[in-house]
Amino acid sequence: MRDKIIEYLEKEKGMNEDALLAYTPGAITDSSEEIRIMREREAIKLRDRIYELKRHIEVIKRMYPAE
């Protein structure tokens, strides 16, 4: 059960990391300031999700160590 949960969270983290690549600063250069601000806000949300998923994974690993 532990490994299945960790596997699921790792996949979610990977999807968010892949989505974050679209928000790299050089991805869109000819956009307005408003669009750049909006994209940075979305990137911040994705980074936060990735951080939270990493925390959850670590908590599960520490609560239920591999046997």
N, C-alpha and C. Protein backbone atom coordinates (compact mmCIF):
# COMPACT_ATOMS: atom_id res chain seq x y z
N MET A 1 0.82 -1.18 0.00
CA MET A 1 0.00 0.00 0.00
C MET A 1 0.88 1.26 0.00
N ARG A 2 1.90 1.25 0.87
CA ARG A 2 2.80 2.38 0.98
C ARG A 2 3.43 2.72 -0.37
N ASP A 3 3.94 1.70 -1.03
CA ASP A 3 4.62 1.91 -2.30
C ASP A 3 3.68 2.42 -3.39
N LYS A 4 2.44 1.97 -3.38
CA LYS A 4 1.47 2.45 -4.36
C LYS A 4 1.15 3.92 -4.15
N ILE A 5 1.04 4.33 -2.90
CA ILE A 5 0.77 5.74 -2.60
C ILE A 5 1.95 6.60 -3.01
N ILE A 6 3.14 6.15 -2.68
CA ILE A 6 4.34 6.90 -3.05
C ILE A 6 4.47 6.98 -4.56
N GLU A 7 4.20 5.89 -5.23
CA GLU A 7 4.27 5.88 -6.70
C GLU A 7 3.29 6.89 -7.30
N TYR A 8 2.07 6.93 -6.77
CA TYR A 8 1.06 7.88 -7.24
C TYR A 8 1.54 9.32 -7.03
N LEU A 9 2.03 9.61 -5.82
CA LEU A 9 2.49 10.97 -5.53
C LEU A 9 3.69 11.36 -6.39
N GLU A 10 4.58 10.41 -6.65
CA GLU A 10 5.73 10.67 -7.51
C GLU A 10 5.28 11.00 -8.94
N LYS A 11 4.26 10.29 -9.44
CA LYS A 11 3.74 10.57 -10.78
C LYS A 11 3.10 11.96 -10.82
N GLU A 12 2.36 12.30 -9.80
CA GLU A 12 1.75 13.64 -9.72
C GLU A 12 2.84 14.72 -9.71
N LYS A 13 3.88 14.48 -8.94
CA LYS A 13 5.00 15.42 -8.87
C LYS A 13 5.65 15.57 -10.24
N GLY A 14 5.84 14.46 -10.93
CA GLY A 14 6.42 14.48 -12.27
C GLY A 14 5.58 15.26 -13.26
N MET A 15 4.27 15.09 -13.19
CA MET A 15 3.38 15.84 -14.09
C MET A 15 3.47 17.33 -13.82
N ASN A 16 3.53 17.70 -12.54
CA ASN A 16 3.65 19.11 -12.20
C ASN A 16 5.00 19.68 -12.63
N GLU A 17 6.06 18.88 -12.51
CA GLU A 17 7.38 19.32 -12.96
C GLU A 17 7.40 19.51 -14.47
N ASP A 18 6.73 18.61 -15.20
CA ASP A 18 6.64 18.76 -16.64
C ASP A 18 5.86 20.01 -17.02
N ALA A 19 4.78 20.27 -16.31
CA ALA A 19 3.96 21.47 -16.57
C ALA A 19 4.76 22.73 -16.27
N LEU A 20 5.61 22.68 -15.27
CA LEU A 20 6.40 23.85 -14.89
C LEU A 20 7.38 24.25 -15.98
N LEU A 21 7.83 23.29 -16.78
CA LEU A 21 8.76 23.58 -17.87
C LEU A 21 8.17 24.58 -18.86
N ALA A 22 6.86 24.58 -19.02
CA ALA A 22 6.21 25.51 -19.94
C ALA A 22 6.25 26.94 -19.43
N TYR A 23 6.57 27.10 -18.15
CA TYR A 23 6.57 28.43 -17.55
C TYR A 23 7.98 28.97 -17.33
N THR A 24 8.97 28.41 -17.99
CA THR A 24 10.32 28.95 -17.86
C THR A 24 10.34 30.37 -18.41
N PRO A 25 11.19 31.23 -17.85
CA PRO A 25 11.19 32.64 -18.25
C PRO A 25 11.38 32.87 -19.74
N GLY A 26 12.15 32.06 -20.43
CA GLY A 26 12.40 32.25 -21.85
C GLY A 26 11.38 31.61 -22.76
N ALA A 27 10.36 30.94 -22.21
CA ALA A 27 9.39 30.22 -23.04
C ALA A 27 8.62 31.15 -23.96
N ILE A 28 8.19 32.27 -23.45
CA ILE A 28 7.47 33.26 -24.26
C ILE A 28 8.13 34.61 -24.02
N THR A 29 8.74 35.15 -25.05
CA THR A 29 9.46 36.41 -24.88
C THR A 29 8.67 37.61 -25.38
N ASP A 30 7.81 37.41 -26.36
CA ASP A 30 7.08 38.54 -26.94
C ASP A 30 5.66 38.64 -26.37
N SER A 31 5.55 38.72 -25.05
CA SER A 31 4.24 38.82 -24.42
C SER A 31 4.19 40.08 -23.56
N SER A 32 2.99 40.48 -23.25
CA SER A 32 2.82 41.70 -22.46
C SER A 32 3.21 41.45 -21.01
N GLU A 33 3.37 42.54 -20.29
CA GLU A 33 3.74 42.45 -18.87
C GLU A 33 2.67 41.71 -18.09
N GLU A 34 1.42 41.93 -18.41
CA GLU A 34 0.32 41.27 -17.71
C GLU A 34 0.38 39.75 -17.89
N ILE A 35 0.68 39.31 -19.09
CA ILE A 35 0.79 37.87 -19.35
C ILE A 35 1.98 37.28 -18.60
N ARG A 36 3.10 38.01 -18.59
CA ARG A 36 4.28 37.52 -17.86
C ARG A 36 3.97 37.39 -16.36
N ILE A 37 3.25 38.35 -15.80
CA ILE A 37 2.88 38.29 -14.38
C ILE A 37 1.97 37.10 -14.13
N MET A 38 0.99 36.89 -15.01
CA MET A 38 0.06 35.77 -14.86
C MET A 38 0.82 34.44 -14.94
N ARG A 39 1.76 34.32 -15.87
CA ARG A 39 2.54 33.10 -16.02
C ARG A 39 3.41 32.85 -14.79
N GLU A 40 3.96 33.91 -14.21
CA GLU A 40 4.78 33.75 -13.01
C GLU A 40 3.92 33.29 -11.84
N ARG A 41 2.70 33.78 -11.73
CA ARG A 41 1.80 33.34 -10.67
C ARG A 41 1.49 31.85 -10.81
N GLU A 42 1.25 31.41 -12.03
CA GLU A 42 0.98 30.00 -12.27
C GLU A 42 2.20 29.15 -11.96
N ALA A 43 3.38 29.65 -12.30
CA ALA A 43 4.62 28.92 -12.00
C ALA A 43 4.81 28.80 -10.49
N ILE A 44 4.47 29.85 -9.76
CA ILE A 44 4.57 29.81 -8.30
C ILE A 44 3.64 28.74 -7.75
N LYS A 45 2.43 28.66 -8.27
CA LYS A 45 1.47 27.63 -7.83
C LYS A 45 2.02 26.23 -8.08
N LEU A 46 2.58 26.02 -9.26
CA LEU A 46 3.14 24.71 -9.59
C LEU A 46 4.32 24.35 -8.69
N ARG A 47 5.20 25.32 -8.44
CA ARG A 47 6.33 25.06 -7.54
C ARG A 47 5.84 24.71 -6.15
N ASP A 48 4.79 25.37 -5.69
CA ASP A 48 4.22 25.07 -4.38
C ASP A 48 3.64 23.66 -4.35
N ARG A 49 2.93 23.26 -5.41
CA ARG A 49 2.38 21.90 -5.48
C ARG A 49 3.49 20.87 -5.43
N ILE A 50 4.57 21.12 -6.16
CA ILE A 50 5.69 20.19 -6.19
C ILE A 50 6.30 20.08 -4.79
N TYR A 51 6.47 21.21 -4.13
CA TYR A 51 7.01 21.21 -2.77
C TYR A 51 6.12 20.42 -1.82
N GLU A 52 4.81 20.64 -1.90
CA GLU A 52 3.87 19.93 -1.03
C GLU A 52 3.89 18.42 -1.30
N LEU A 53 3.95 18.03 -2.56
CA LEU A 53 4.02 16.61 -2.89
C LEU A 53 5.30 15.98 -2.34
N LYS A 54 6.40 16.69 -2.45
CA LYS A 54 7.66 16.18 -1.89
C LYS A 54 7.54 15.99 -0.39
N ARG A 55 6.91 16.94 0.28
CA ARG A 55 6.72 16.83 1.73
C ARG A 55 5.87 15.62 2.08
N HIS A 56 4.77 15.42 1.35
CA HIS A 56 3.90 14.28 1.61
C HIS A 56 4.65 12.96 1.41
N ILE A 57 5.43 12.89 0.36
CA ILE A 57 6.20 11.68 0.07
C ILE A 57 7.16 11.39 1.23
N GLU A 58 7.87 12.40 1.68
CA GLU A 58 8.82 12.22 2.78
C GLU A 58 8.12 11.81 4.08
N VAL A 59 6.97 12.39 4.36
CA VAL A 59 6.23 12.03 5.57
C VAL A 59 5.83 10.56 5.52
N ILE A 60 5.31 10.12 4.39
CA ILE A 60 4.90 8.72 4.25
C ILE A 60 6.09 7.79 4.41
N LYS A 61 7.22 8.16 3.79
CA LYS A 61 8.42 7.32 3.90
C LYS A 61 8.90 7.22 5.34
N ARG A 62 8.78 8.31 6.09
CA ARG A 62 9.25 8.29 7.48
C ARG A 62 8.25 7.59 8.41
N MET A 63 6.97 7.75 8.13
CA MET A 63 5.96 7.09 8.96
C MET A 63 5.94 5.59 8.73
N TYR A 64 6.17 5.18 7.48
CA TYR A 64 6.13 3.77 7.11
C TYR A 64 7.40 3.40 6.38
N PRO A 65 8.49 3.20 7.11
CA PRO A 65 9.76 2.87 6.45
C PRO A 65 9.67 1.55 5.67
N ALA A 66 10.46 1.48 4.63
CA ALA A 66 10.49 0.26 3.81
C ALA A 66 11.03 -0.88 4.66
N GLU A 67 10.41 -2.02 4.51
CA GLU A 67 10.80 -3.18 5.32
C GLU A 67 11.76 -4.07 4.61
